[in-house]
N, C-alpha and C. Protein backbone atom coordinates (compact mmCIF):
# COMPACT_ATOMS: atom_id res chain seq x y z
N MET A 1 -25.04 7.86 -92.06
CA MET A 1 -24.01 8.17 -93.05
C MET A 1 -24.56 9.18 -94.05
N ILE A 2 -23.78 10.20 -94.32
CA ILE A 2 -24.19 11.24 -95.27
C ILE A 2 -23.64 10.87 -96.64
N MET A 3 -24.51 10.86 -97.63
CA MET A 3 -24.09 10.55 -99.00
C MET A 3 -23.67 11.85 -99.68
N GLU A 4 -22.50 11.82 -100.29
CA GLU A 4 -22.02 13.00 -101.01
C GLU A 4 -22.68 13.02 -102.38
N ARG A 5 -23.19 14.18 -102.74
CA ARG A 5 -23.79 14.32 -104.07
C ARG A 5 -22.72 14.21 -105.13
N PRO A 6 -23.02 13.52 -106.24
CA PRO A 6 -22.03 13.47 -107.32
C PRO A 6 -21.74 14.88 -107.81
N ARG A 7 -20.48 15.13 -108.06
CA ARG A 7 -20.10 16.47 -108.51
C ARG A 7 -20.20 16.55 -110.03
N THR A 8 -20.53 17.74 -110.50
CA THR A 8 -20.61 17.95 -111.94
C THR A 8 -19.19 18.12 -112.49
N PHE A 9 -19.07 18.02 -113.79
CA PHE A 9 -17.78 18.22 -114.45
C PHE A 9 -17.23 19.60 -114.09
N GLU A 10 -18.09 20.62 -114.13
CA GLU A 10 -17.65 21.98 -113.82
C GLU A 10 -17.13 22.07 -112.39
N GLN A 11 -17.79 21.39 -111.45
CA GLN A 11 -17.32 21.41 -110.07
C GLN A 11 -15.97 20.71 -109.95
N LEU A 12 -15.79 19.60 -110.65
CA LEU A 12 -14.53 18.86 -110.60
C LEU A 12 -13.36 19.69 -111.10
N ILE A 13 -13.55 20.38 -112.23
CA ILE A 13 -12.43 21.12 -112.83
C ILE A 13 -12.20 22.48 -112.18
N SER A 14 -13.07 22.90 -111.28
CA SER A 14 -12.94 24.21 -110.64
C SER A 14 -12.00 24.20 -109.44
N SER A 15 -11.32 23.11 -109.21
CA SER A 15 -10.43 22.97 -108.08
C SER A 15 -9.16 23.82 -108.25
N GLU A 16 -8.59 24.23 -107.10
CA GLU A 16 -7.28 24.88 -107.14
C GLU A 16 -6.19 23.87 -107.44
N ILE A 17 -6.46 22.60 -107.13
CA ILE A 17 -5.53 21.52 -107.47
C ILE A 17 -5.72 21.22 -108.95
N PRO A 18 -4.65 21.11 -109.73
CA PRO A 18 -4.79 20.83 -111.15
C PRO A 18 -5.58 19.54 -111.40
N VAL A 19 -6.42 19.58 -112.43
CA VAL A 19 -7.24 18.43 -112.81
C VAL A 19 -6.92 18.08 -114.26
N LEU A 20 -6.35 16.90 -114.48
CA LEU A 20 -6.05 16.44 -115.82
C LEU A 20 -7.23 15.61 -116.32
N VAL A 21 -7.80 16.03 -117.44
CA VAL A 21 -8.93 15.32 -118.03
C VAL A 21 -8.47 14.62 -119.30
N ASP A 22 -8.68 13.30 -119.33
CA ASP A 22 -8.39 12.49 -120.51
C ASP A 22 -9.69 12.29 -121.26
N PHE A 23 -9.85 13.02 -122.36
CA PHE A 23 -11.02 12.83 -123.23
C PHE A 23 -10.70 11.64 -124.13
N PHE A 24 -11.52 10.59 -124.07
CA PHE A 24 -11.22 9.35 -124.78
C PHE A 24 -12.49 8.77 -125.40
N ALA A 25 -12.31 7.70 -126.17
CA ALA A 25 -13.42 6.93 -126.72
C ALA A 25 -13.07 5.45 -126.62
N GLU A 26 -14.08 4.63 -126.36
CA GLU A 26 -13.87 3.18 -126.21
C GLU A 26 -13.27 2.56 -127.48
N TRP A 27 -13.63 3.08 -128.64
CA TRP A 27 -13.21 2.50 -129.92
C TRP A 27 -11.82 2.96 -130.36
N CYS A 28 -11.21 3.86 -129.61
CA CYS A 28 -9.94 4.48 -130.00
C CYS A 28 -8.76 3.64 -129.53
N GLY A 29 -7.95 3.15 -130.47
CA GLY A 29 -6.78 2.34 -130.15
C GLY A 29 -5.79 3.04 -129.23
N PRO A 30 -5.31 4.25 -129.60
CA PRO A 30 -4.36 4.95 -128.73
C PRO A 30 -4.93 5.23 -127.33
N CYS A 31 -6.25 5.44 -127.24
CA CYS A 31 -6.87 5.70 -125.94
C CYS A 31 -6.70 4.51 -125.00
N LYS A 32 -6.65 3.31 -125.57
CA LYS A 32 -6.52 2.10 -124.75
C LYS A 32 -5.13 2.00 -124.12
N MET A 33 -4.19 2.80 -124.61
CA MET A 33 -2.84 2.82 -124.04
C MET A 33 -2.76 3.72 -122.80
N MET A 34 -3.75 4.58 -122.60
CA MET A 34 -3.67 5.60 -121.55
C MET A 34 -3.90 5.11 -120.12
N PRO A 35 -4.80 4.15 -119.85
CA PRO A 35 -5.05 3.80 -118.44
C PRO A 35 -3.80 3.46 -117.63
N PRO A 36 -2.87 2.61 -118.11
CA PRO A 36 -1.69 2.36 -117.28
C PRO A 36 -0.80 3.60 -117.14
N ILE A 37 -0.78 4.45 -118.15
CA ILE A 37 -0.01 5.70 -118.08
C ILE A 37 -0.61 6.62 -117.01
N LEU A 38 -1.94 6.71 -117.00
CA LEU A 38 -2.60 7.58 -116.02
C LEU A 38 -2.46 7.02 -114.60
N THR A 39 -2.44 5.70 -114.47
CA THR A 39 -2.21 5.08 -113.16
C THR A 39 -0.81 5.43 -112.66
N GLU A 40 0.17 5.34 -113.54
CA GLU A 40 1.55 5.71 -113.19
C GLU A 40 1.63 7.20 -112.86
N LEU A 41 0.96 8.04 -113.64
CA LEU A 41 0.94 9.48 -113.38
C LEU A 41 0.40 9.76 -111.98
N LYS A 42 -0.71 9.12 -111.63
CA LYS A 42 -1.31 9.34 -110.32
C LYS A 42 -0.34 8.93 -109.22
N ARG A 43 0.42 7.86 -109.45
CA ARG A 43 1.43 7.43 -108.49
C ARG A 43 2.52 8.51 -108.34
N LEU A 44 2.88 9.14 -109.46
CA LEU A 44 3.93 10.17 -109.45
C LEU A 44 3.47 11.47 -108.78
N VAL A 45 2.22 11.87 -109.01
CA VAL A 45 1.76 13.17 -108.51
C VAL A 45 0.99 13.08 -107.19
N GLY A 46 0.52 11.89 -106.84
CA GLY A 46 -0.23 11.73 -105.59
C GLY A 46 -1.41 12.69 -105.51
N ASP A 47 -1.51 13.39 -104.37
CA ASP A 47 -2.61 14.33 -104.17
C ASP A 47 -2.36 15.68 -104.83
N GLY A 48 -1.25 15.80 -105.56
CA GLY A 48 -0.92 17.06 -106.21
C GLY A 48 -1.77 17.37 -107.43
N ALA A 49 -2.50 16.37 -107.92
CA ALA A 49 -3.37 16.58 -109.08
C ALA A 49 -4.47 15.51 -109.07
N THR A 50 -5.57 15.84 -109.71
CA THR A 50 -6.67 14.90 -109.90
C THR A 50 -6.64 14.46 -111.36
N VAL A 51 -6.92 13.19 -111.60
CA VAL A 51 -6.94 12.67 -112.96
C VAL A 51 -8.32 12.05 -113.20
N ILE A 52 -9.01 12.52 -114.25
CA ILE A 52 -10.31 11.94 -114.58
C ILE A 52 -10.36 11.63 -116.07
N LYS A 53 -11.26 10.72 -116.41
CA LYS A 53 -11.45 10.33 -117.81
C LYS A 53 -12.87 10.72 -118.22
N VAL A 54 -13.02 11.22 -119.44
CA VAL A 54 -14.33 11.58 -119.96
C VAL A 54 -14.51 10.91 -121.32
N ASP A 55 -15.51 10.05 -121.42
CA ASP A 55 -15.84 9.36 -122.67
C ASP A 55 -16.58 10.35 -123.57
N VAL A 56 -15.98 10.69 -124.71
CA VAL A 56 -16.57 11.70 -125.59
C VAL A 56 -17.89 11.24 -126.20
N ASP A 57 -18.09 9.93 -126.33
CA ASP A 57 -19.35 9.44 -126.88
C ASP A 57 -20.48 9.53 -125.86
N ARG A 58 -20.16 9.41 -124.60
CA ARG A 58 -21.18 9.50 -123.54
C ARG A 58 -21.36 10.92 -123.04
N ASN A 59 -20.39 11.78 -123.29
CA ASN A 59 -20.42 13.17 -122.81
C ASN A 59 -20.06 14.13 -123.93
N PRO A 60 -20.84 14.12 -125.01
CA PRO A 60 -20.47 14.97 -126.15
C PRO A 60 -20.48 16.46 -125.82
N GLY A 61 -21.29 16.87 -124.85
CA GLY A 61 -21.35 18.28 -124.48
C GLY A 61 -20.02 18.78 -123.93
N ALA A 62 -19.40 17.98 -123.06
CA ALA A 62 -18.11 18.37 -122.47
C ALA A 62 -17.05 18.43 -123.56
N ALA A 63 -17.05 17.42 -124.44
CA ALA A 63 -16.06 17.40 -125.52
C ALA A 63 -16.24 18.61 -126.43
N GLN A 64 -17.48 18.90 -126.77
CA GLN A 64 -17.76 20.04 -127.66
C GLN A 64 -17.40 21.36 -126.99
N ALA A 65 -17.68 21.48 -125.70
CA ALA A 65 -17.41 22.73 -124.98
C ALA A 65 -15.93 23.09 -125.01
N TYR A 66 -15.06 22.08 -125.07
CA TYR A 66 -13.62 22.33 -125.05
C TYR A 66 -12.96 22.04 -126.39
N GLY A 67 -13.75 21.93 -127.44
CA GLY A 67 -13.21 21.79 -128.80
C GLY A 67 -12.42 20.52 -129.02
N VAL A 68 -12.81 19.44 -128.34
CA VAL A 68 -12.12 18.17 -128.51
C VAL A 68 -12.57 17.55 -129.83
N ARG A 69 -11.64 17.45 -130.79
CA ARG A 69 -11.96 16.91 -132.10
C ARG A 69 -11.35 15.54 -132.33
N GLY A 70 -10.27 15.24 -131.60
CA GLY A 70 -9.60 13.95 -131.72
C GLY A 70 -9.35 13.39 -130.34
N VAL A 71 -9.22 12.09 -130.28
CA VAL A 71 -8.95 11.44 -129.00
C VAL A 71 -7.71 10.56 -129.11
N PRO A 72 -6.93 10.39 -128.07
CA PRO A 72 -7.12 11.06 -126.78
C PRO A 72 -6.67 12.52 -126.83
N THR A 73 -7.43 13.36 -126.14
CA THR A 73 -7.03 14.74 -125.90
C THR A 73 -6.94 14.91 -124.39
N LEU A 74 -5.84 15.45 -123.95
CA LEU A 74 -5.60 15.68 -122.52
C LEU A 74 -5.63 17.18 -122.26
N ILE A 75 -6.47 17.59 -121.32
CA ILE A 75 -6.57 19.01 -120.97
C ILE A 75 -6.37 19.13 -119.47
N LEU A 76 -5.49 20.04 -119.07
CA LEU A 76 -5.25 20.32 -117.66
C LEU A 76 -6.02 21.57 -117.28
N PHE A 77 -6.84 21.44 -116.25
CA PHE A 77 -7.64 22.56 -115.75
C PHE A 77 -7.13 22.98 -114.39
N LYS A 78 -7.22 24.27 -114.14
CA LYS A 78 -6.95 24.81 -112.80
C LYS A 78 -7.93 25.95 -112.57
N ASN A 79 -8.63 25.89 -111.47
CA ASN A 79 -9.65 26.90 -111.15
C ASN A 79 -10.67 27.03 -112.28
N GLY A 80 -11.00 25.90 -112.92
CA GLY A 80 -12.04 25.89 -113.95
C GLY A 80 -11.60 26.32 -115.33
N LYS A 81 -10.33 26.67 -115.48
CA LYS A 81 -9.85 27.14 -116.78
C LYS A 81 -8.81 26.18 -117.35
N PRO A 82 -8.88 25.92 -118.67
CA PRO A 82 -7.85 25.08 -119.28
C PRO A 82 -6.52 25.83 -119.31
N VAL A 83 -5.47 25.21 -118.77
CA VAL A 83 -4.16 25.86 -118.73
C VAL A 83 -3.13 25.14 -119.59
N TRP A 84 -3.49 23.95 -120.11
CA TRP A 84 -2.57 23.16 -120.94
C TRP A 84 -3.38 22.11 -121.67
N ARG A 85 -2.98 21.79 -122.90
CA ARG A 85 -3.67 20.71 -123.62
C ARG A 85 -2.76 20.10 -124.67
N ARG A 86 -2.95 18.81 -124.90
CA ARG A 86 -2.24 18.08 -125.95
C ARG A 86 -3.15 16.97 -126.45
N SER A 87 -2.92 16.57 -127.67
CA SER A 87 -3.62 15.41 -128.23
C SER A 87 -2.60 14.30 -128.45
N GLY A 88 -3.06 13.07 -128.28
CA GLY A 88 -2.18 11.93 -128.49
C GLY A 88 -1.68 11.34 -127.18
N VAL A 89 -1.03 10.21 -127.31
CA VAL A 89 -0.51 9.50 -126.15
C VAL A 89 0.77 10.18 -125.67
N MET A 90 0.86 10.36 -124.35
CA MET A 90 2.05 10.94 -123.73
C MET A 90 2.46 10.06 -122.58
N SER A 91 3.72 10.13 -122.18
CA SER A 91 4.19 9.33 -121.05
C SER A 91 3.76 9.98 -119.74
N ALA A 92 3.80 9.17 -118.67
CA ALA A 92 3.47 9.68 -117.34
C ALA A 92 4.43 10.79 -116.93
N VAL A 93 5.70 10.65 -117.29
CA VAL A 93 6.70 11.67 -116.93
C VAL A 93 6.41 12.98 -117.68
N GLN A 94 6.06 12.90 -118.96
CA GLN A 94 5.71 14.11 -119.72
C GLN A 94 4.50 14.79 -119.09
N LEU A 95 3.50 14.01 -118.70
CA LEU A 95 2.30 14.57 -118.08
C LEU A 95 2.62 15.17 -116.71
N ARG A 96 3.46 14.48 -115.93
CA ARG A 96 3.86 15.01 -114.62
C ARG A 96 4.57 16.35 -114.79
N ASP A 97 5.44 16.45 -115.77
CA ASP A 97 6.18 17.69 -115.99
C ASP A 97 5.23 18.83 -116.39
N ALA A 98 4.21 18.51 -117.21
CA ALA A 98 3.23 19.53 -117.61
C ALA A 98 2.42 20.00 -116.40
N ILE A 99 2.03 19.07 -115.55
CA ILE A 99 1.28 19.42 -114.34
C ILE A 99 2.13 20.27 -113.40
N ALA A 100 3.42 19.92 -113.27
CA ALA A 100 4.33 20.62 -112.35
C ALA A 100 4.41 22.12 -112.67
N LEU A 101 4.24 22.48 -113.92
CA LEU A 101 4.29 23.89 -114.31
C LEU A 101 3.10 24.68 -113.75
N HIS A 102 2.06 23.98 -113.31
CA HIS A 102 0.83 24.65 -112.88
C HIS A 102 0.48 24.40 -111.41
N LEU A 103 1.47 23.94 -110.66
CA LEU A 103 1.23 23.70 -109.22
C LEU A 103 1.36 25.00 -108.44
């Protein structure tokens, strides 16, 4: 069996398929509302988008690189470039509609 090397953040966001990144923190109340929303979003978009979470306390470099000052901050990447961003809690339908603009 061949083990796949873990991909770096840059490799993950460099996909032609849109990648939604949820920058969050464990201590953030609104961030705790996002997991079921992101699960529903993934159900809505299927393989049309990738959804990942980045803990800003464990990955301060990624947060700093994209100017994340508050959490949750959601950034949509395509081909390694941010194409959309919002801060705060959003519904799965709102996120699906934002992703649809970049398919």
